[in-house]
Amino acid sequence: MHIHAITDHTEWTIRPAGASDAEQLRRLAQLDSQPALAGPALIAEVGREPWAAVELRSGRVVADPFRPSSHIAEATLARAVSVRRAA
């Protein structure tokens, strides 16, 4: 389940986070001054750079505060809610 979108001439992707994304998720949480996400998550990337992630169980969002990531974080959260409802 990948979602690929283009908004404001910016391409981004929402996808399930895998084991290889653990460091990126930890770094996003650290940048956002939050604890690391636990369990399954979705990650949103612009190019190959992570901008936001959502913990599927709780809906907790972490995002890079140094990037204009609010709309991407909101879309990732909306997708997480959809995934939880389908499960």
PDB file of N, CA and C in Angstrom:
ATOM      1  N   MET A   1       0.832  -1.156   0.000  1.00  0.00           N
ATOM      2  CA  MET A   1       0.000   0.000   0.000  1.00  0.00           C
ATOM      3  C   MET A   1       0.890   1.236   0.000  1.00  0.00           C
ATOM      4  N   HIS A   2       1.109   1.758  -1.156  1.00  0.00           N
ATOM      5  CA  HIS A   2       1.849   3.001  -1.299  1.00  0.00           C
ATOM      6  C   HIS A   2       0.890   4.046  -1.866  1.00  0.00           C
ATOM      7  N   ILE A   3       1.002   5.245  -1.373  1.00  0.00           N
ATOM      8  CA  ILE A   3       0.252   6.350  -1.958  1.00  0.00           C
ATOM      9  C   ILE A   3       1.277   7.333  -2.471  1.00  0.00           C
ATOM     10  N   HIS A   4       1.119   7.699  -3.713  1.00  0.00           N
ATOM     11  CA  HIS A   4       2.038   8.648  -4.342  1.00  0.00           C
ATOM     12  C   HIS A   4       1.218   9.870  -4.724  1.00  0.00           C
ATOM     13  N   ALA A   5       1.681  11.037  -4.346  1.00  0.00           N
ATOM     14  CA  ALA A   5       0.922  12.262  -4.628  1.00  0.00           C
ATOM     15  C   ALA A   5       1.853  13.367  -5.095  1.00  0.00           C
ATOM     16  N   ILE A   6       1.270  14.296  -5.813  1.00  0.00           N
ATOM     17  CA  ILE A   6       1.998  15.493  -6.219  1.00  0.00           C
ATOM     18  C   ILE A   6       1.137  16.685  -5.824  1.00  0.00           C
ATOM     19  N   THR A   7       1.648  17.525  -4.940  1.00  0.00           N
ATOM     20  CA  THR A   7       0.956  18.754  -4.565  1.00  0.00           C
ATOM     21  C   THR A   7       1.962  19.888  -4.602  1.00  0.00           C
ATOM     22  N   ASP A   8       1.532  21.006  -5.055  1.00  0.00           N
ATOM     23  CA  ASP A   8       2.423  22.175  -5.130  1.00  0.00           C
ATOM     24  C   ASP A   8       3.755  21.819  -5.784  1.00  0.00           C
ATOM     25  N   HIS A   9       3.691  20.965  -6.818  1.00  0.00           N
ATOM     26  CA  HIS A   9       4.878  20.547  -7.566  1.00  0.00           C
ATOM     27  C   HIS A   9       5.872  19.757  -6.712  1.00  0.00           C
ATOM     28  N   THR A  10       5.400  19.202  -5.598  1.00  0.00           N
ATOM     29  CA  THR A  10       6.238  18.377  -4.737  1.00  0.00           C
ATOM     30  C   THR A  10       5.713  16.954  -4.773  1.00  0.00           C
ATOM     31  N   GLU A  11       6.563  16.007  -5.139  1.00  0.00           N
ATOM     32  CA  GLU A  11       6.171  14.599  -5.142  1.00  0.00           C
ATOM     33  C   GLU A  11       6.466  14.003  -3.767  1.00  0.00           C
ATOM     34  N   TRP A  12       5.504  13.239  -3.252  1.00  0.00           N
ATOM     35  CA  TRP A  12       5.722  12.563  -1.986  1.00  0.00           C
ATOM     36  C   TRP A  12       4.977  11.241  -1.973  1.00  0.00           C
ATOM     37  N   THR A  13       5.418  10.375  -1.071  1.00  0.00           N
ATOM     38  CA  THR A  13       4.901   9.012  -0.979  1.00  0.00           C
ATOM     39  C   THR A  13       4.587   8.683   0.472  1.00  0.00           C
ATOM     40  N   ILE A  14       3.478   8.009   0.692  1.00  0.00           N
ATOM     41  CA  ILE A  14       3.154   7.441   2.005  1.00  0.00           C
ATOM     42  C   ILE A  14       3.235   5.935   1.838  1.00  0.00           C
ATOM     43  N   ARG A  15       3.986   5.293   2.735  1.00  0.00           N
ATOM     44  CA  ARG A  15       4.147   3.835   2.641  1.00  0.00           C
ATOM     45  C   ARG A  15       4.307   3.253   4.040  1.00  0.00           C
ATOM     46  N   PRO A  16       4.106   1.945   4.167  1.00  0.00           N
ATOM     47  CA  PRO A  16       4.359   1.318   5.466  1.00  0.00           C
ATOM     48  C   PRO A  16       5.851   1.398   5.807  1.00  0.00           C
ATOM     49  N   ALA A  17       6.149   1.702   7.032  1.00  0.00           N
ATOM     50  CA  ALA A  17       7.543   1.714   7.481  1.00  0.00           C
ATOM     51  C   ALA A  17       7.978   0.279   7.741  1.00  0.00           C
ATOM     52  N   GLY A  18       9.186  -0.041   7.316  1.00  0.00           N
ATOM     53  CA  GLY A  18       9.737  -1.368   7.544  1.00  0.00           C
ATOM     54  C   GLY A  18      10.866  -1.313   8.560  1.00  0.00           C
ATOM     55  N   ALA A  19      11.439  -2.462   8.818  1.00  0.00           N
ATOM     56  CA  ALA A  19      12.539  -2.542   9.777  1.00  0.00           C
ATOM     57  C   ALA A  19      13.705  -1.642   9.373  1.00  0.00           C
ATOM     58  N   SER A  20      13.926  -1.494   8.084  1.00  0.00           N
ATOM     59  CA  SER A  20      15.037  -0.659   7.613  1.00  0.00           C
ATOM     60  C   SER A  20      14.792   0.834   7.836  1.00  0.00           C
ATOM     61  N   ASP A  21      13.568   1.208   8.220  1.00  0.00           N
ATOM     62  CA  ASP A  21      13.233   2.611   8.465  1.00  0.00           C
ATOM     63  C   ASP A  21      13.387   3.012   9.931  1.00  0.00           C
ATOM     64  N   ALA A  22      13.790   2.097  10.782  1.00  0.00           N
ATOM     65  CA  ALA A  22      13.839   2.365  12.223  1.00  0.00           C
ATOM     66  C   ALA A  22      14.662   3.605  12.561  1.00  0.00           C
ATOM     67  N   GLU A  23      15.810   3.763  11.955  1.00  0.00           N
ATOM     68  CA  GLU A  23      16.656   4.920  12.243  1.00  0.00           C
ATOM     69  C   GLU A  23      15.993   6.211  11.776  1.00  0.00           C
ATOM     70  N   GLN A  24      15.360   6.187  10.616  1.00  0.00           N
ATOM     71  CA  GLN A  24      14.676   7.380  10.119  1.00  0.00           C
ATOM     72  C   GLN A  24      13.513   7.762  11.037  1.00  0.00           C
ATOM     73  N   LEU A  25      12.768   6.778  11.522  1.00  0.00           N
ATOM     74  CA  LEU A  25      11.665   7.049  12.438  1.00  0.00           C
ATOM     75  C   LEU A  25      12.182   7.617  13.757  1.00  0.00           C
ATOM     76  N   ARG A  26      13.266   7.075  14.249  1.00  0.00           N
ATOM     77  CA  ARG A  26      13.856   7.576  15.484  1.00  0.00           C
ATOM     78  C   ARG A  26      14.306   9.016  15.306  1.00  0.00           C
ATOM     79  N   ARG A  27      14.935   9.308  14.176  1.00  0.00           N
ATOM     80  CA  ARG A  27      15.430  10.656  13.916  1.00  0.00           C
ATOM     81  C   ARG A  27      14.283  11.656  13.782  1.00  0.00           C
ATOM     82  N   LEU A  28      13.209  11.268  13.083  1.00  0.00           N
ATOM     83  CA  LEU A  28      12.049  12.153  12.967  1.00  0.00           C
ATOM     84  C   LEU A  28      11.479  12.484  14.342  1.00  0.00           C
ATOM     85  N   ALA A  29      11.319  11.467  15.183  1.00  0.00           N
ATOM     86  CA  ALA A  29      10.791  11.694  16.533  1.00  0.00           C
ATOM     87  C   ALA A  29      11.720  12.613  17.329  1.00  0.00           C
ATOM     88  N   GLN A  30      13.006  12.403  17.203  1.00  0.00           N
ATOM     89  CA  GLN A  30      13.972  13.238  17.905  1.00  0.00           C
ATOM     90  C   GLN A  30      13.882  14.688  17.421  1.00  0.00           C
ATOM     91  N   LEU A  31      13.801  14.909  16.114  1.00  0.00           N
ATOM     92  CA  LEU A  31      13.666  16.260  15.572  1.00  0.00           C
ATOM     93  C   LEU A  31      12.402  16.943  16.087  1.00  0.00           C
ATOM     94  N   ASP A  32      11.350  16.149  16.280  1.00  0.00           N
ATOM     95  CA  ASP A  32      10.060  16.666  16.723  1.00  0.00           C
ATOM     96  C   ASP A  32       9.948  16.691  18.254  1.00  0.00           C
ATOM     97  N   SER A  33      11.059  16.415  18.934  1.00  0.00           N
ATOM     98  CA  SER A  33      11.105  16.407  20.409  1.00  0.00           C
ATOM     99  C   SER A  33      10.052  15.477  21.008  1.00  0.00           C
ATOM    100  N   GLN A  34       9.900  14.284  20.409  1.00  0.00           N
ATOM    101  CA  GLN A  34       8.941  13.301  20.882  1.00  0.00           C
ATOM    102  C   GLN A  34       9.624  11.954  21.078  1.00  0.00           C
ATOM    103  N   PRO A  35       8.994  11.082  21.855  1.00  0.00           N
ATOM    104  CA  PRO A  35       9.522   9.718  21.967  1.00  0.00           C
ATOM    105  C   PRO A  35       9.413   9.003  20.621  1.00  0.00           C
ATOM    106  N   ALA A  36      10.238   8.008  20.436  1.00  0.00           N
ATOM    107  CA  ALA A  36      10.213   7.224  19.202  1.00  0.00           C
ATOM    108  C   ALA A  36       8.861   6.535  19.038  1.00  0.00           C
ATOM    109  N   LEU A  37       8.452   6.343  17.797  1.00  0.00           N
ATOM    110  CA  LEU A  37       7.233   5.603  17.516  1.00  0.00           C
ATOM    111  C   LEU A  37       7.458   4.130  17.837  1.00  0.00           C
ATOM    112  N   ALA A  38       6.389   3.467  18.255  1.00  0.00           N
ATOM    113  CA  ALA A  38       6.479   2.047  18.584  1.00  0.00           C
ATOM    114  C   ALA A  38       5.481   1.285  17.720  1.00  0.00           C
ATOM    115  N   GLY A  39       5.894   0.160  17.217  1.00  0.00           N
ATOM    116  CA  GLY A  39       4.993  -0.676  16.437  1.00  0.00           C
ATOM    117  C   GLY A  39       4.860  -0.223  14.999  1.00  0.00           C
ATOM    118  N   PRO A  40       3.861  -0.782  14.313  1.00  0.00           N
ATOM    119  CA  PRO A  40       3.667  -0.460  12.899  1.00  0.00           C
ATOM    120  C   PRO A  40       3.437   1.037  12.687  1.00  0.00           C
ATOM    121  N   ALA A  41       3.974   1.543  11.585  1.00  0.00           N
ATOM    122  CA  ALA A  41       3.853   2.970  11.283  1.00  0.00           C
ATOM    123  C   ALA A  41       3.791   3.173   9.777  1.00  0.00           C
ATOM    124  N   LEU A  42       3.281   4.322   9.396  1.00  0.00           N
ATOM    125  CA  LEU A  42       3.370   4.792   8.016  1.00  0.00           C
ATOM    126  C   LEU A  42       4.397   5.905   7.994  1.00  0.00           C
ATOM    127  N   ILE A  43       5.137   5.987   6.908  1.00  0.00           N
ATOM    128  CA  ILE A  43       6.138   7.032   6.752  1.00  0.00           C
ATOM    129  C   ILE A  43       5.848   7.785   5.457  1.00  0.00           C
ATOM    130  N   ALA A  44       5.991   9.093   5.521  1.00  0.00           N
ATOM    131  CA  ALA A  44       5.801   9.939   4.336  1.00  0.00           C
ATOM    132  C   ALA A  44       7.159  10.497   3.944  1.00  0.00           C
ATOM    133  N   GLU A  45       7.483  10.339   2.668  1.00  0.00           N
ATOM    134  CA  GLU A  45       8.777  10.787   2.166  1.00  0.00           C
ATOM    135  C   GLU A  45       8.601  11.745   0.999  1.00  0.00           C
ATOM    136  N   VAL A  46       9.431  12.741   0.975  1.00  0.00           N
ATOM    137  CA  VAL A  46       9.555  13.615  -0.184  1.00  0.00           C
ATOM    138  C   VAL A  46      10.892  13.247  -0.796  1.00  0.00           C
ATOM    139  N   GLY A  47      10.846  12.761  -2.025  1.00  0.00           N
ATOM    140  CA  GLY A  47      12.049  12.147  -2.575  1.00  0.00           C
ATOM    141  C   GLY A  47      12.321  10.899  -1.748  1.00  0.00           C
ATOM    142  N   ARG A  48      13.476  10.787  -1.208  1.00  0.00           N
ATOM    143  CA  ARG A  48      13.797   9.672  -0.303  1.00  0.00           C
ATOM    144  C   ARG A  48      13.990  10.155   1.127  1.00  0.00           C
ATOM    145  N   GLU A  49      13.590  11.392   1.394  1.00  0.00           N
ATOM    146  CA  GLU A  49      13.754  11.988   2.719  1.00  0.00           C
ATOM    147  C   GLU A  49      12.461  11.866   3.527  1.00  0.00           C
ATOM    148  N   PRO A  50      12.539  11.320   4.744  1.00  0.00           N
ATOM    149  CA  PRO A  50      11.336  11.226   5.570  1.00  0.00           C
ATOM    150  C   PRO A  50      10.940  12.602   6.111  1.00  0.00           C
ATOM    151  N   TRP A  51       9.679  12.943   5.955  1.00  0.00           N
ATOM    152  CA  TRP A  51       9.175  14.225   6.451  1.00  0.00           C
ATOM    153  C   TRP A  51       8.198  14.040   7.601  1.00  0.00           C
ATOM    154  N   ALA A  52       7.493  12.901   7.628  1.00  0.00           N
ATOM    155  CA  ALA A  52       6.504  12.658   8.680  1.00  0.00           C
ATOM    156  C   ALA A  52       6.268  11.162   8.811  1.00  0.00           C
ATOM    157  N   ALA A  53       5.755  10.776   9.970  1.00  0.00           N
ATOM    158  CA  ALA A  53       5.389   9.380  10.196  1.00  0.00           C
ATOM    159  C   ALA A  53       4.251   9.340  11.207  1.00  0.00           C
ATOM    160  N   VAL A  54       3.479   8.260  11.143  1.00  0.00           N
ATOM    161  CA  VAL A  54       2.348   8.077  12.043  1.00  0.00           C
ATOM    162  C   VAL A  54       2.392   6.663  12.603  1.00  0.00           C
ATOM    163  N   GLU A  55       2.272   6.560  13.908  1.00  0.00           N
ATOM    164  CA  GLU A  55       2.152   5.277  14.588  1.00  0.00           C
ATOM    165  C   GLU A  55       0.724   4.783  14.362  1.00  0.00           C
ATOM    166  N   LEU A  56       0.565   3.603  13.778  1.00  0.00           N
ATOM    167  CA  LEU A  56      -0.764   3.127  13.399  1.00  0.00           C
ATOM    168  C   LEU A  56      -1.681   2.900  14.600  1.00  0.00           C
ATOM    169  N   ARG A  57      -1.185   2.335  15.682  1.00  0.00           N
ATOM    170  CA  ARG A  57      -2.060   2.019  16.819  1.00  0.00           C
ATOM    171  C   ARG A  57      -2.628   3.265  17.479  1.00  0.00           C
ATOM    172  N   SER A  58      -1.771   4.242  17.720  1.00  0.00           N
ATOM    173  CA  SER A  58      -2.198   5.417  18.490  1.00  0.00           C
ATOM    174  C   SER A  58      -2.577   6.607  17.619  1.00  0.00           C
ATOM    175  N   GLY A  59      -2.079   6.645  16.393  1.00  0.00           N
ATOM    176  CA  GLY A  59      -2.292   7.817  15.550  1.00  0.00           C
ATOM    177  C   GLY A  59      -1.342   8.962  15.866  1.00  0.00           C
ATOM    178  N   ARG A  60      -0.336   8.686  16.687  1.00  0.00           N
ATOM    179  CA  ARG A  60       0.632   9.727  17.043  1.00  0.00           C
ATOM    180  C   ARG A  60       1.494  10.071  15.840  1.00  0.00           C
ATOM    181  N   VAL A  61       1.644  11.365  15.607  1.00  0.00           N
ATOM    182  CA  VAL A  61       2.375  11.870  14.441  1.00  0.00           C
ATOM    183  C   VAL A  61       3.696  12.485  14.881  1.00  0.00           C
ATOM    184  N   VAL A  62       4.745  12.207  14.121  1.00  0.00           N
ATOM    185  CA  VAL A  62       6.015  12.927  14.265  1.00  0.00           C
ATOM    186  C   VAL A  62       6.343  13.493  12.890  1.00  0.00           C
ATOM    187  N   ALA A  63       6.906  14.695  12.893  1.00  0.00           N
ATOM    188  CA  ALA A  63       7.216  15.344  11.616  1.00  0.00           C
ATOM    189  C   ALA A  63       8.461  16.201  11.774  1.00  0.00           C
ATOM    190  N   ASP A  64       9.134  16.410  10.674  1.00  0.00           N
ATOM    191  CA  ASP A  64      10.325  17.251  10.654  1.00  0.00           C
ATOM    192  C   ASP A  64       9.887  18.713  10.780  1.00  0.00           C
ATOM    193  N   PRO A  65      10.202  19.367  11.903  1.00  0.00           N
ATOM    194  CA  PRO A  65       9.760  20.747  12.088  1.00  0.00           C
ATOM    195  C   PRO A  65      10.534  21.755  11.240  1.00  0.00           C
ATOM    196  N   PHE A  66      11.590  21.303  10.586  1.00  0.00           N
ATOM    197  CA  PHE A  66      12.410  22.191   9.770  1.00  0.00           C
ATOM    198  C   PHE A  66      12.014  22.162   8.297  1.00  0.00           C
ATOM    199  N   ARG A  67      10.917  21.470   7.999  1.00  0.00           N
ATOM    200  CA  ARG A  67      10.408  21.382   6.635  1.00  0.00           C
ATOM    201  C   ARG A  67       8.924  21.757   6.651  1.00  0.00           C
ATOM    202  N   PRO A  68       8.388  22.206   5.532  1.00  0.00           N
ATOM    203  CA  PRO A  68       6.957  22.519   5.472  1.00  0.00           C
ATOM    204  C   PRO A  68       6.135  21.235   5.366  1.00  0.00           C
ATOM    205  N   SER A  69       6.063  20.494   6.463  1.00  0.00           N
ATOM    206  CA  SER A  69       5.532  19.129   6.433  1.00  0.00           C
ATOM    207  C   SER A  69       4.111  18.985   6.963  1.00  0.00           C
ATOM    208  N   SER A  70       3.456  20.052   7.365  1.00  0.00           N
ATOM    209  CA  SER A  70       2.155  19.898   8.021  1.00  0.00           C
ATOM    210  C   SER A  70       1.116  19.225   7.116  1.00  0.00           C
ATOM    211  N   HIS A  71       1.036  19.589   5.845  1.00  0.00           N
ATOM    212  CA  HIS A  71       0.033  18.972   4.963  1.00  0.00           C
ATOM    213  C   HIS A  71       0.358  17.502   4.701  1.00  0.00           C
ATOM    214  N   ILE A  72       1.626  17.179   4.665  1.00  0.00           N
ATOM    215  CA  ILE A  72       2.024  15.779   4.465  1.00  0.00           C
ATOM    216  C   ILE A  72       1.732  14.975   5.722  1.00  0.00           C
ATOM    217  N   ALA A  73       1.985  15.548   6.893  1.00  0.00           N
ATOM    218  CA  ALA A  73       1.677  14.870   8.152  1.00  0.00           C
ATOM    219  C   ALA A  73       0.172  14.624   8.266  1.00  0.00           C
ATOM    220  N   GLU A  74      -0.644  15.606   7.888  1.00  0.00           N
ATOM    221  CA  GLU A  74      -2.098  15.451   7.939  1.00  0.00           C
ATOM    222  C   GLU A  74      -2.575  14.353   6.988  1.00  0.00           C
ATOM    223  N   ALA A  75      -2.016  14.302   5.795  1.00  0.00           N
ATOM    224  CA  ALA A  75      -2.394  13.263   4.835  1.00  0.00           C
ATOM    225  C   ALA A  75      -1.969  11.883   5.320  1.00  0.00           C
ATOM    226  N   THR A  76      -0.823  11.805   5.970  1.00  0.00           N
ATOM    227  CA  THR A  76      -0.338  10.528   6.502  1.00  0.00           C
ATOM    228  C   THR A  76      -1.235  10.062   7.643  1.00  0.00           C
ATOM    229  N   LEU A  77      -1.645  10.988   8.501  1.00  0.00           N
ATOM    230  CA  LEU A  77      -2.569  10.642   9.581  1.00  0.00           C
ATOM    231  C   LEU A  77      -3.911  10.170   9.012  1.00  0.00           C
ATOM    232  N   ALA A  78      -4.418  10.846   8.012  1.00  0.00           N
ATOM    233  CA  ALA A  78      -5.681  10.430   7.388  1.00  0.00           C
ATOM    234  C   ALA A  78      -5.559   9.025   6.810  1.00  0.00           C
ATOM    235  N   ARG A  79      -4.434   8.733   6.199  1.00  0.00           N
ATOM    236  CA  ARG A  79      -4.214   7.394   5.640  1.00  0.00           C
ATOM    237  C   ARG A  79      -4.136   6.364   6.755  1.00  0.00           C
ATOM    238  N   ALA A  80      -3.492   6.710   7.866  1.00  0.00           N
ATOM    239  CA  ALA A  80      -3.389   5.787   9.007  1.00  0.00           C
ATOM    240  C   ALA A  80      -4.774   5.467   9.562  1.00  0.00           C
ATOM    241  N   VAL A  81      -5.627   6.470   9.669  1.00  0.00           N
ATOM    242  CA  VAL A  81      -6.997   6.250  10.145  1.00  0.00           C
ATOM    243  C   VAL A  81      -7.717   5.304   9.204  1.00  0.00           C
ATOM    244  N   SER A  82      -7.547   5.485   7.898  1.00  0.00           N
ATOM    245  CA  SER A  82      -8.166   4.610   6.912  1.00  0.00           C
ATOM    246  C   SER A  82      -7.664   3.171   7.035  1.00  0.00           C
ATOM    247  N   VAL A  83      -6.366   3.033   7.244  1.00  0.00           N
ATOM    248  CA  VAL A  83      -5.777   1.692   7.396  1.00  0.00           C
ATOM    249  C   VAL A  83      -6.319   1.013   8.651  1.00  0.00           C
ATOM    250  N   ARG A  84      -6.415   1.767   9.753  1.00  0.00           N
ATOM    251  CA  ARG A  84      -6.942   1.190  11.014  1.00  0.00           C
ATOM    252  C   ARG A  84      -8.389   0.739  10.838  1.00  0.00           C
ATOM    253  N   ARG A  85      -9.182   1.520  10.129  1.00  0.00           N
ATOM    254  CA  ARG A  85     -10.597   1.157   9.928  1.00  0.00           C
ATOM    255  C   ARG A  85     -10.721  -0.103   9.087  1.00  0.00           C
ATOM    256  N   ALA A  86      -9.814  -0.268   8.120  1.00  0.00           N
ATOM    257  CA  ALA A  86      -9.869  -1.431   7.233  1.00  0.00           C
ATOM    258  C   ALA A  86      -9.370  -2.699   7.908  1.00  0.00           C
ATOM    259  N   ALA A  87      -8.615  -2.552   8.983  1.00  0.00           N
ATOM    260  CA  ALA A  87      -8.013  -3.725   9.640  1.00  0.00           C
ATOM    261  C   ALA A  87      -9.016  -4.483  10.487  1.00  0.00           C
TER     262      ALA A  87
END
